Amino acid sequence: MPNPLFSTYRAGENRVTSSTIAVFERIDLSTVKELLQNASGIGEELRAVSFENQVVEKGSVPDARISARFTWWFETKTVPHGYDAEGHDREQVRSHAARLVGDPDAYLFVLTPDAAQPTWLADPDGVAEDAASRIVWFSFADLTRSIRAHLEDATRLVPEQTRFLLSELIALYEADGLLSADDTVVVAARNAWPEYIRHGAYVCQPDRSFRADITHFGFYAQGEIKPTIARIDQYLPSVAFSDEGAAELRAIGQHHAADLVTALLQEGSRDHDAAYGIMLLSREDDPRTVQLDAPIKNDTQTSTGRGWAWTLGQRYTRLEKLTSGARWTSEL
């Protein structure tokens, strides 16, 4: 008997998981496979049902074979950062991963609202080596993008039932706040904005705190969010600004950071032998950099109607909001 489409579970994780599986159950398996591949980037090694002609077997050559040999396990979290520290969530993955040992066609898909892959899941300790590579993470946002790309592909003939079910699944994720994780930081940047244009980086005080799961970086200056939203490459929390420090960076392959240190020291905009934090970013002309149609003007006001800066330090938002066509900060 098919699972009920709209789950009767009250717990968020169980409800979201059972609803997702109920939708997958009602659409074509090849579509499910494609959605998982595109959401996770796993590639063609994800096998499901295979169709073969003229199968050469020992002692005979059957005309055809349809076969299936796979197991896909799912672990769903509806709260971000669950894998940041040792605890129940990690122990669950370790226990589930034991089911993958010795079965090369078994995968564990871990679905969370995190904006970026939790660091621990990239190299989980306490998991057998042959199983670790088949623990596959993706976010609800990744799966949603995969679904939308599938539905918007003009070359496909998507059945109406499939279109309806997948659209309803996205609506469930949106209603439960699973797509709303902030993935972009915008900093107050009167001087940092032109510095980014020159060097493709942001420099701040050492050990400045940023959320671990942000993926993009924006600049607020002259009363507007600038239309260039850079992709974050790496955050170096404390770097010595000196000739020796630049040489050490270059020796370990950090050429972008090394060039930045040298250039800023030559410009005289940073103190010799001082430490600074460096956020390495995609440059303005990098295809990974998101270009908005126009700057987003600030219309923030105090309770008395006086204009006020949208941010005086740093503020988090979603790339999806920035790219939605917003013209005013009140629309974010």
Protein backbone atom coordinates (compact mmCIF):
# COMPACT_ATOMS: atom_id res chain seq x y z
CA MET A 1 0.00 0.00 0.00
CA PRO A 2 1.43 3.42 -0.91
CA ASN A 3 2.50 5.73 1.89
CA PRO A 4 0.08 8.62 2.55
CA LEU A 5 1.23 11.67 0.62
CA PHE A 6 0.76 14.12 3.46
CA SER A 7 2.32 12.45 6.43
CA THR A 8 0.49 12.12 9.73
CA TYR A 9 3.77 12.25 11.68
CA ARG A 10 3.98 15.25 13.99
CA ALA A 11 7.75 15.31 14.43
CA GLY A 12 9.29 17.54 11.78
CA GLU A 13 12.02 15.16 10.61
CA ASN A 14 9.68 12.17 10.30
CA ARG A 15 7.00 14.23 8.55
CA VAL A 16 9.40 15.72 6.02
CA THR A 17 11.09 12.38 5.35
CA SER A 18 7.87 10.42 4.91
CA SER A 19 6.40 13.10 2.64
CA THR A 20 9.55 13.11 0.50
CA ILE A 21 9.53 9.32 0.19
CA ALA A 22 5.80 9.34 -0.59
CA VAL A 23 6.42 11.69 -3.52
CA PHE A 24 9.39 9.62 -4.74
CA GLU A 25 7.20 6.51 -4.54
CA ARG A 26 4.64 8.05 -6.89
CA ILE A 27 6.96 9.24 -9.64
CA ASP A 28 9.18 7.40 -12.09
CA LEU A 29 12.27 5.81 -10.52
CA SER A 30 14.51 7.21 -13.24
CA THR A 31 13.31 10.70 -12.28
CA VAL A 32 14.10 10.04 -8.61
CA LYS A 33 17.56 8.85 -9.58
CA GLU A 34 18.18 11.92 -11.72
CA LEU A 35 16.99 14.29 -8.99
CA LEU A 36 19.31 12.66 -6.45
CA GLN A 37 22.23 12.73 -8.87
CA ASN A 38 21.79 16.39 -9.70
CA ALA A 39 21.18 17.44 -6.10
CA SER A 40 24.23 15.62 -4.78
CA GLY A 41 26.57 15.65 -7.77
CA ILE A 42 27.12 11.93 -7.30
CA GLY A 43 27.28 11.09 -11.01
CA GLU A 44 26.54 7.95 -12.98
CA GLU A 45 27.84 5.58 -10.30
CA LEU A 46 24.39 5.75 -8.71
CA ARG A 47 22.72 2.66 -10.14
CA ALA A 48 19.09 1.62 -10.03
CA VAL A 49 17.33 -0.47 -12.69
CA SER A 50 19.34 -1.57 -15.72
CA PHE A 51 18.06 -2.72 -19.12
CA GLU A 52 20.37 -4.88 -21.26
CA ASN A 53 20.12 -6.69 -24.60
CA GLN A 54 21.96 -9.86 -25.63
CA VAL A 55 23.39 -10.56 -22.20
CA VAL A 56 26.40 -12.87 -22.38
CA GLU A 57 26.19 -15.33 -19.51
CA LYS A 58 28.10 -18.51 -18.87
CA GLY A 59 26.48 -21.22 -20.97
CA SER A 60 23.82 -19.00 -22.58
CA VAL A 61 23.06 -15.62 -24.13
CA PRO A 62 19.57 -14.46 -23.07
CA ASP A 63 17.96 -11.91 -25.37
CA ALA A 64 17.56 -9.31 -22.63
CA ARG A 65 17.69 -8.64 -18.92
CA ILE A 66 16.04 -6.13 -16.61
CA SER A 67 17.74 -6.12 -13.24
CA ALA A 68 17.94 -4.08 -10.07
CA ARG A 69 20.39 -4.19 -7.20
CA PHE A 70 20.53 -1.10 -5.03
CA THR A 71 19.69 0.22 -1.57
CA TRP A 72 19.28 3.92 -0.83
CA TRP A 73 19.10 4.88 2.83
CA PHE A 74 18.01 8.35 3.93
CA GLU A 75 18.75 10.38 7.06
CA THR A 76 16.95 13.72 7.32
CA LYS A 77 17.62 16.66 9.62
CA THR A 78 15.40 19.73 9.76
CA VAL A 79 17.71 21.78 11.99
CA PRO A 80 21.10 23.00 10.66
CA HIS A 81 24.50 22.47 12.31
CA GLY A 82 23.57 19.09 13.79
CA TYR A 83 26.90 17.58 12.75
CA ASP A 84 29.09 20.43 14.00
CA ALA A 85 29.87 18.66 17.29
CA GLU A 86 30.02 15.13 18.64
CA GLY A 87 26.60 13.83 19.59
CA HIS A 88 23.49 11.89 18.60
CA ASP A 89 23.46 13.00 14.95
CA ARG A 90 26.98 11.74 14.29
CA GLU A 91 26.28 8.47 16.09
CA GLN A 92 23.22 7.94 13.89
CA VAL A 93 25.31 8.29 10.74
CA ARG A 94 27.94 5.89 12.09
CA SER A 95 25.24 3.31 12.82
CA HIS A 96 23.58 3.74 9.44
CA ALA A 97 26.95 3.56 7.65
CA ALA A 98 27.49 0.05 8.98
CA ARG A 99 24.69 -1.04 6.64
CA LEU A 100 26.78 0.05 3.64
CA VAL A 101 29.77 -2.16 4.39
CA GLY A 102 30.22 -4.86 1.76
CA ASP A 103 27.38 -3.57 -0.42
CA PRO A 104 28.80 -1.35 -3.20
CA ASP A 105 25.33 -0.43 -4.45
CA ALA A 106 24.14 0.90 -1.09
CA TYR A 107 24.19 4.64 -0.36
CA LEU A 108 23.26 6.77 2.63
CA PHE A 109 21.80 10.14 1.60
CA VAL A 110 21.97 12.76 4.35
CA LEU A 111 19.55 15.62 3.76
CA THR A 112 19.83 18.80 5.88
CA PRO A 113 19.00 22.53 5.64
CA ASP A 114 22.68 23.53 5.97
CA ALA A 115 23.87 25.96 3.28
CA ALA A 116 27.14 24.05 2.87
CA GLN A 117 28.20 20.47 3.52
CA PRO A 118 28.93 19.92 7.23
CA THR A 119 32.69 19.47 7.55
CA TRP A 120 32.38 16.24 9.51
CA LEU A 121 30.33 14.55 6.80
CA ALA A 122 33.11 15.12 4.27
CA ASP A 123 35.41 12.82 6.29
CA PRO A 124 33.43 11.13 9.07
CA ASP A 125 35.46 9.40 11.75
CA GLY A 126 34.30 6.06 13.07
CA VAL A 127 33.03 4.96 9.65
CA ALA A 128 34.49 2.11 7.59
CA GLU A 129 36.56 3.38 4.67
CA ASP A 130 34.54 1.58 1.99
CA ALA A 131 31.32 3.08 3.40
CA ALA A 132 32.48 6.67 3.93
CA SER A 133 32.58 7.44 0.20
CA ARG A 134 28.94 6.37 -0.12
CA ILE A 135 27.64 8.77 2.51
CA VAL A 136 26.24 11.52 0.31
CA TRP A 137 25.10 14.89 1.65
CA PHE A 138 22.88 17.46 -0.03
CA SER A 139 20.64 20.22 1.23
CA PHE A 140 16.93 20.81 0.82
CA ALA A 141 17.91 23.80 -1.31
CA ASP A 142 20.04 21.53 -3.55
CA LEU A 143 17.15 19.11 -4.00
CA THR A 144 14.76 21.99 -4.67
CA ARG A 145 17.07 23.41 -7.36
CA SER A 146 17.28 19.94 -8.93
CA ILE A 147 13.48 19.64 -8.94
CA ARG A 148 12.96 23.10 -10.40
CA ALA A 149 15.51 22.48 -13.15
CA HIS A 150 13.70 19.26 -14.02
CA LEU A 151 10.29 20.94 -14.13
CA GLU A 152 11.52 23.95 -16.11
CA ASP A 153 13.34 21.92 -18.77
CA ALA A 154 11.40 22.69 -21.96
CA THR A 155 12.74 19.53 -23.63
CA ARG A 156 10.97 17.27 -21.13
CA LEU A 157 7.42 15.98 -21.15
CA VAL A 158 6.79 15.94 -17.42
CA PRO A 159 3.53 14.15 -16.46
CA GLU A 160 1.04 16.42 -14.70
CA GLN A 161 0.97 14.20 -11.63
CA THR A 162 4.75 14.34 -11.34
CA ARG A 163 4.73 18.11 -11.80
CA PHE A 164 2.06 18.51 -9.11
CA LEU A 165 3.73 16.22 -6.59
CA LEU A 166 7.17 17.77 -6.96
CA SER A 167 5.73 21.28 -6.75
CA GLU A 168 3.88 20.33 -3.57
CA LEU A 169 7.09 18.89 -2.12
CA ILE A 170 8.89 22.20 -2.70
CA ALA A 171 5.97 23.98 -1.05
CA LEU A 172 6.35 21.73 1.99
CA TYR A 173 10.05 22.53 2.26
CA GLU A 174 9.31 26.24 1.98
CA ALA A 175 6.51 26.12 4.57
CA ASP A 176 8.77 24.32 7.03
CA GLY A 177 11.55 26.88 6.59
CA LEU A 178 13.98 24.34 5.16
CA LEU A 179 15.03 26.58 2.27
CA SER A 180 15.56 29.72 4.31
CA ALA A 181 19.03 29.17 5.72
CA ASP A 182 21.04 32.36 5.37
CA ASP A 183 23.94 31.68 3.00
CA THR A 184 25.27 35.20 2.37
CA VAL A 185 26.97 37.77 4.59
CA VAL A 186 26.90 41.46 3.67
CA VAL A 187 29.46 43.71 5.36
CA ALA A 188 29.61 47.46 5.82
CA ALA A 189 32.26 48.31 3.26
CA ARG A 190 33.04 51.97 2.62
CA ASN A 191 36.73 51.13 2.08
CA ALA A 192 36.43 47.38 1.60
CA TRP A 193 34.33 47.65 -1.56
CA PRO A 194 36.98 49.33 -3.75
CA GLU A 195 39.60 47.07 -2.16
CA TYR A 196 37.60 44.02 -3.24
CA ILE A 197 37.38 45.34 -6.81
CA ARG A 198 41.18 45.65 -6.89
CA HIS A 199 42.12 42.44 -5.12
CA GLY A 200 39.17 40.01 -4.94
CA ALA A 201 39.29 39.71 -1.16
CA TYR A 202 38.02 41.20 2.10
CA VAL A 203 40.41 42.05 4.93
CA CYS A 204 39.25 42.48 8.53
CA GLN A 205 40.48 42.27 12.11
CA PRO A 206 41.99 38.88 13.00
CA ASP A 207 39.71 36.08 14.15
CA ARG A 208 36.55 37.92 13.20
CA SER A 209 33.62 35.54 13.50
CA PHE A 210 31.62 34.46 10.45
CA ARG A 211 29.06 31.68 10.25
CA ALA A 212 30.64 28.47 9.04
CA ASP A 213 28.03 27.67 6.38
CA ILE A 214 27.93 30.90 4.36
CA THR A 215 28.80 30.60 0.69
CA HIS A 216 28.57 34.18 -0.65
CA PHE A 217 29.80 37.63 0.32
CA GLY A 218 28.30 41.05 -0.38
CA PHE A 219 29.21 44.68 0.27
CA TYR A 220 27.11 47.54 1.66
CA ALA A 221 28.43 51.02 0.89
CA GLN A 222 27.09 54.43 -0.15
CA GLY A 223 23.63 53.49 1.09
CA GLU A 224 23.23 50.39 -1.07
CA ILE A 225 24.10 46.72 -1.37
CA LYS A 226 26.49 46.57 -4.28
CA PRO A 227 25.34 44.40 -7.20
CA THR A 228 28.38 42.12 -7.08
CA ILE A 229 27.95 39.11 -4.77
CA ALA A 230 31.17 37.12 -4.57
CA ARG A 231 31.58 33.41 -3.96
CA ILE A 232 33.61 32.64 -0.83
CA ASP A 233 36.72 30.60 -1.58
CA GLN A 234 38.32 30.45 1.86
CA TYR A 235 38.51 32.31 5.16
CA LEU A 236 41.94 32.69 6.75
CA PRO A 237 41.18 34.01 10.26
CA SER A 238 44.66 35.29 11.14
CA VAL A 239 47.43 36.10 8.67
CA ALA A 240 50.71 37.87 9.39
CA PHE A 241 51.10 40.84 7.05
CA SER A 242 54.83 40.78 6.41
CA ASP A 243 57.23 39.75 3.68
CA GLU A 244 57.87 36.55 5.61
CA GLY A 245 54.16 35.91 5.99
CA ALA A 246 53.61 36.35 2.26
CA ALA A 247 56.47 33.96 1.52
CA GLU A 248 55.00 31.34 3.85
CA LEU A 249 51.63 31.64 2.14
CA ARG A 250 53.22 31.25 -1.27
CA ALA A 251 55.15 28.19 -0.10
CA ILE A 252 51.90 26.38 0.73
CA GLY A 253 50.16 27.37 -2.50
CA GLN A 254 48.12 30.28 -1.13
CA HIS A 255 49.08 32.57 -4.02
CA HIS A 256 45.95 34.75 -3.90
CA ALA A 257 46.48 35.50 -0.21
CA ALA A 258 50.23 36.02 -0.69
CA ASP A 259 49.68 38.48 -3.55
CA LEU A 260 47.10 40.32 -1.44
CA VAL A 261 49.46 40.71 1.53
CA THR A 262 52.25 42.00 -0.71
CA ALA A 263 49.97 44.43 -2.56
CA LEU A 264 48.37 45.91 0.57
CA LEU A 265 51.74 46.38 2.25
CA GLN A 266 53.02 48.15 -0.86
CA GLU A 267 49.91 50.34 -0.91
CA GLY A 268 50.51 51.22 2.72
CA SER A 269 46.92 50.38 3.65
CA ARG A 270 47.92 47.80 6.29
CA ASP A 271 50.51 47.79 9.06
CA HIS A 272 53.66 45.70 8.67
CA ASP A 273 53.87 42.73 11.03
CA ALA A 274 50.23 43.06 12.09
CA ALA A 275 47.73 40.21 11.81
CA TYR A 276 44.51 40.43 9.81
CA GLY A 277 41.74 38.11 8.74
CA ILE A 278 41.42 37.45 5.00
CA MET A 279 38.28 36.33 3.19
CA LEU A 280 39.36 35.10 -0.24
CA LEU A 281 36.61 35.76 -2.78
CA SER A 282 35.82 35.18 -6.42
CA ARG A 283 36.72 38.25 -8.45
CA GLU A 284 34.24 40.58 -10.07
CA ASP A 285 34.62 38.95 -13.50
CA ASP A 286 34.64 35.36 -12.19
CA PRO A 287 31.67 33.34 -13.54
CA ARG A 288 31.01 32.13 -9.97
CA THR A 289 30.34 35.71 -8.89
CA VAL A 290 26.66 36.62 -8.92
CA GLN A 291 25.80 39.93 -10.60
CA LEU A 292 22.51 41.53 -9.59
CA ASP A 293 20.58 43.58 -12.12
CA ALA A 294 21.08 46.69 -9.99
CA PRO A 295 22.25 47.75 -6.53
CA ILE A 296 19.73 47.30 -3.71
CA LYS A 297 19.06 50.70 -2.18
CA ASN A 298 18.69 51.11 1.56
CA ASP A 299 15.33 52.38 2.81
CA THR A 300 15.73 51.46 6.49
CA GLN A 301 14.27 54.00 8.90
CA THR A 302 14.12 54.42 12.66
CA SER A 303 10.81 54.64 14.51
CA THR A 304 10.99 58.43 14.11
CA GLY A 305 11.39 58.18 10.35
CA ARG A 306 15.10 58.95 10.26
CA GLY A 307 17.22 57.00 7.77
CA TRP A 308 19.45 54.30 9.23
CA ALA A 309 22.21 52.09 7.82
CA TRP A 310 21.11 48.62 6.76
CA THR A 311 24.22 47.26 8.51
CA LEU A 312 27.00 48.84 10.55
CA GLY A 313 29.06 45.66 10.71
CA GLN A 314 27.83 42.48 9.06
CA ARG A 315 24.41 41.07 8.34
CA TYR A 316 23.22 37.74 7.00
CA THR A 317 20.67 37.12 4.29
CA ARG A 318 19.90 34.66 1.51
CA LEU A 319 21.29 34.74 -2.00
CA GLU A 320 17.82 33.80 -3.20
CA LYS A 321 16.46 37.06 -1.75
CA LEU A 322 19.24 39.16 -3.25
CA THR A 323 18.61 37.71 -6.70
CA SER A 324 14.82 37.98 -6.47
CA GLY A 325 14.75 41.40 -8.15
CA ALA A 326 14.58 43.37 -4.90
CA ARG A 327 15.27 47.07 -5.34
CA TRP A 328 15.06 48.11 -1.67
CA THR A 329 16.50 46.55 1.49
CA SER A 330 12.99 46.41 2.98
CA GLU A 331 12.20 43.74 0.38
CA LEU A 332 14.87 41.38 1.69
